[in-house]
Amino acid sequence: MWGRGRRLAALTMQARTSEVFGMDMHPAATIGAGVMIDHATGLVIGETAVVGDECSLFHGVTLG
């Protein structure tokens, strides 16, 4: 949604995800295919982060 100019919708979804899962993932972050996020509590992915294909991310990880 972020890349298509629907920034308000993307930020609204990000805020809800943060409330439910306790993680903060900026809508502009680039996330590859097949990414597994396990126990997302405390996970932070910044705006400039690029997560490649087939990666596993665990709780408490910060990517800037």
N, C-alpha and C. Protein backbone atom coordinates (compact mmCIF):
# COMPACT_ATOMS: atom_id res chain seq x y z
N MET A 1 0.83 -1.19 0.00
CA MET A 1 0.00 0.00 0.00
C MET A 1 0.88 1.26 0.00
N TRP A 2 1.99 1.20 0.73
CA TRP A 2 2.86 2.36 0.84
C TRP A 2 3.37 2.78 -0.55
N GLY A 3 3.83 1.82 -1.33
CA GLY A 3 4.37 2.09 -2.66
C GLY A 3 3.33 2.55 -3.67
N ARG A 4 2.07 2.32 -3.36
CA ARG A 4 0.98 2.72 -4.26
C ARG A 4 0.34 4.04 -3.84
N GLY A 5 0.98 4.73 -2.88
CA GLY A 5 0.49 6.04 -2.46
C GLY A 5 -0.62 6.01 -1.42
N ARG A 6 -0.95 4.83 -0.90
CA ARG A 6 -2.02 4.72 0.11
C ARG A 6 -1.38 4.72 1.50
N ARG A 7 -0.70 5.81 1.81
CA ARG A 7 0.09 5.90 3.03
C ARG A 7 -0.75 5.87 4.30
N LEU A 8 -1.89 6.50 4.30
CA LEU A 8 -2.74 6.49 5.50
C LEU A 8 -3.20 5.06 5.81
N ALA A 9 -3.63 4.34 4.79
CA ALA A 9 -4.05 2.95 4.99
C ALA A 9 -2.89 2.09 5.48
N ALA A 10 -1.70 2.30 4.92
CA ALA A 10 -0.52 1.53 5.33
C ALA A 10 -0.15 1.84 6.79
N LEU A 11 -0.19 3.08 7.18
CA LEU A 11 0.14 3.46 8.55
C LEU A 11 -0.92 2.96 9.53
N THR A 12 -2.18 2.94 9.11
CA THR A 12 -3.24 2.42 9.96
C THR A 12 -3.06 0.93 10.20
N MET A 13 -2.72 0.20 9.14
CA MET A 13 -2.47 -1.23 9.29
C MET A 13 -1.23 -1.48 10.15
N GLN A 14 -0.21 -0.67 10.00
CA GLN A 14 1.01 -0.82 10.80
C GLN A 14 0.71 -0.57 12.27
N ALA A 15 -0.11 0.42 12.57
CA ALA A 15 -0.45 0.73 13.96
C ALA A 15 -1.23 -0.43 14.60
N ARG A 16 -2.15 -1.01 13.87
CA ARG A 16 -2.92 -2.15 14.39
C ARG A 16 -2.03 -3.38 14.60
N THR A 17 -1.13 -3.62 13.67
CA THR A 17 -0.18 -4.73 13.81
C THR A 17 0.69 -4.53 15.04
N SER A 18 1.09 -3.31 15.28
CA SER A 18 1.90 -2.99 16.46
C SER A 18 1.14 -3.29 17.74
N GLU A 19 -0.15 -2.93 17.78
CA GLU A 19 -0.98 -3.19 18.97
C GLU A 19 -1.16 -4.68 19.22
N VAL A 20 -1.46 -5.43 18.17
CA VAL A 20 -1.80 -6.85 18.31
C VAL A 20 -0.56 -7.71 18.56
N PHE A 21 0.50 -7.48 17.80
CA PHE A 21 1.66 -8.37 17.84
C PHE A 21 2.85 -7.81 18.60
N GLY A 22 2.82 -6.54 19.00
CA GLY A 22 3.93 -5.96 19.74
C GLY A 22 5.18 -5.79 18.89
N MET A 23 4.99 -5.52 17.62
CA MET A 23 6.13 -5.33 16.72
C MET A 23 5.94 -4.04 15.94
N ASP A 24 7.05 -3.50 15.43
CA ASP A 24 6.98 -2.26 14.67
C ASP A 24 7.69 -2.46 13.34
N MET A 25 6.91 -2.53 12.28
CA MET A 25 7.46 -2.71 10.94
C MET A 25 6.98 -1.55 10.08
N HIS A 26 7.91 -0.72 9.64
CA HIS A 26 7.53 0.44 8.82
C HIS A 26 6.98 -0.04 7.48
N PRO A 27 5.90 0.58 7.01
CA PRO A 27 5.28 0.15 5.75
C PRO A 27 6.20 0.29 4.53
N ALA A 28 7.23 1.13 4.61
CA ALA A 28 8.12 1.32 3.47
C ALA A 28 9.26 0.29 3.43
N ALA A 29 9.39 -0.53 4.46
CA ALA A 29 10.44 -1.56 4.48
C ALA A 29 10.21 -2.55 3.35
N THR A 30 11.29 -3.06 2.79
CA THR A 30 11.21 -4.03 1.70
C THR A 30 11.34 -5.43 2.30
N ILE A 31 10.30 -6.24 2.15
CA ILE A 31 10.26 -7.58 2.71
C ILE A 31 10.15 -8.57 1.55
N GLY A 32 11.06 -9.53 1.50
CA GLY A 32 11.09 -10.52 0.41
C GLY A 32 10.03 -11.60 0.59
N ALA A 33 10.02 -12.52 -0.35
CA ALA A 33 9.07 -13.63 -0.33
C ALA A 33 9.55 -14.71 0.62
N GLY A 34 8.62 -15.38 1.26
CA GLY A 34 8.96 -16.50 2.12
C GLY A 34 9.59 -16.12 3.44
N VAL A 35 9.37 -14.92 3.93
CA VAL A 35 9.93 -14.49 5.21
C VAL A 35 9.09 -15.04 6.34
N MET A 36 9.75 -15.63 7.34
CA MET A 36 9.06 -16.19 8.49
C MET A 36 9.38 -15.33 9.71
N ILE A 37 8.33 -14.79 10.33
CA ILE A 37 8.49 -13.99 11.55
C ILE A 37 7.93 -14.79 12.70
N ASP A 38 8.81 -15.23 13.59
CA ASP A 38 8.45 -16.10 14.70
C ASP A 38 8.48 -15.29 15.99
N HIS A 39 7.40 -15.30 16.74
CA HIS A 39 7.33 -14.56 18.00
C HIS A 39 7.76 -13.11 17.79
N ALA A 40 6.96 -12.36 17.11
CA ALA A 40 7.32 -11.02 16.65
C ALA A 40 7.45 -9.98 17.76
N THR A 41 7.14 -10.32 18.99
CA THR A 41 7.21 -9.35 20.09
C THR A 41 8.59 -8.71 20.13
N GLY A 42 8.62 -7.40 20.09
CA GLY A 42 9.87 -6.66 20.17
C GLY A 42 10.60 -6.52 18.85
N LEU A 43 10.05 -7.03 17.78
CA LEU A 43 10.67 -6.92 16.47
C LEU A 43 10.48 -5.50 15.94
N VAL A 44 11.56 -4.90 15.43
CA VAL A 44 11.50 -3.56 14.85
C VAL A 44 12.19 -3.60 13.50
N ILE A 45 11.47 -3.20 12.46
CA ILE A 45 12.03 -3.13 11.11
C ILE A 45 11.81 -1.70 10.63
N GLY A 46 12.91 -1.00 10.37
CA GLY A 46 12.85 0.40 9.98
C GLY A 46 12.52 0.62 8.52
N GLU A 47 12.34 1.87 8.18
CA GLU A 47 11.92 2.28 6.84
C GLU A 47 12.91 1.86 5.76
N THR A 48 14.20 1.91 6.05
CA THR A 48 15.22 1.63 5.04
C THR A 48 15.68 0.17 5.02
N ALA A 49 15.11 -0.67 5.87
CA ALA A 49 15.54 -2.07 5.95
C ALA A 49 15.10 -2.86 4.72
N VAL A 50 15.95 -3.81 4.33
CA VAL A 50 15.64 -4.71 3.24
C VAL A 50 15.85 -6.13 3.76
N VAL A 51 14.77 -6.91 3.82
CA VAL A 51 14.83 -8.30 4.27
C VAL A 51 14.68 -9.16 3.03
N GLY A 52 15.69 -9.99 2.76
CA GLY A 52 15.70 -10.82 1.55
C GLY A 52 14.72 -11.98 1.62
N ASP A 53 14.67 -12.73 0.55
CA ASP A 53 13.79 -13.90 0.45
C ASP A 53 14.22 -14.99 1.42
N GLU A 54 13.23 -15.74 1.91
CA GLU A 54 13.46 -16.94 2.73
C GLU A 54 14.28 -16.68 3.99
N CYS A 55 14.02 -15.58 4.67
CA CYS A 55 14.70 -15.24 5.93
C CYS A 55 13.80 -15.61 7.11
N SER A 56 14.43 -15.86 8.25
CA SER A 56 13.70 -16.10 9.50
C SER A 56 14.06 -15.01 10.49
N LEU A 57 13.06 -14.39 11.08
CA LEU A 57 13.28 -13.33 12.06
C LEU A 57 12.63 -13.75 13.38
N PHE A 58 13.33 -13.52 14.48
CA PHE A 58 12.84 -13.90 15.79
C PHE A 58 12.62 -12.66 16.65
N HIS A 59 12.04 -12.84 17.83
CA HIS A 59 11.70 -11.71 18.70
C HIS A 59 12.95 -10.96 19.13
N GLY A 60 12.77 -9.66 19.37
CA GLY A 60 13.84 -8.82 19.87
C GLY A 60 14.82 -8.35 18.82
N VAL A 61 14.54 -8.55 17.55
CA VAL A 61 15.45 -8.15 16.46
C VAL A 61 15.12 -6.72 16.04
N THR A 62 16.17 -5.91 15.83
CA THR A 62 16.01 -4.56 15.30
C THR A 62 16.79 -4.44 14.02
N LEU A 63 16.11 -4.09 12.94
CA LEU A 63 16.74 -3.85 11.65
C LEU A 63 16.49 -2.40 11.27
N GLY A 64 17.53 -1.66 10.99
CA GLY A 64 17.40 -0.25 10.69
C GLY A 64 17.59 0.08 9.32
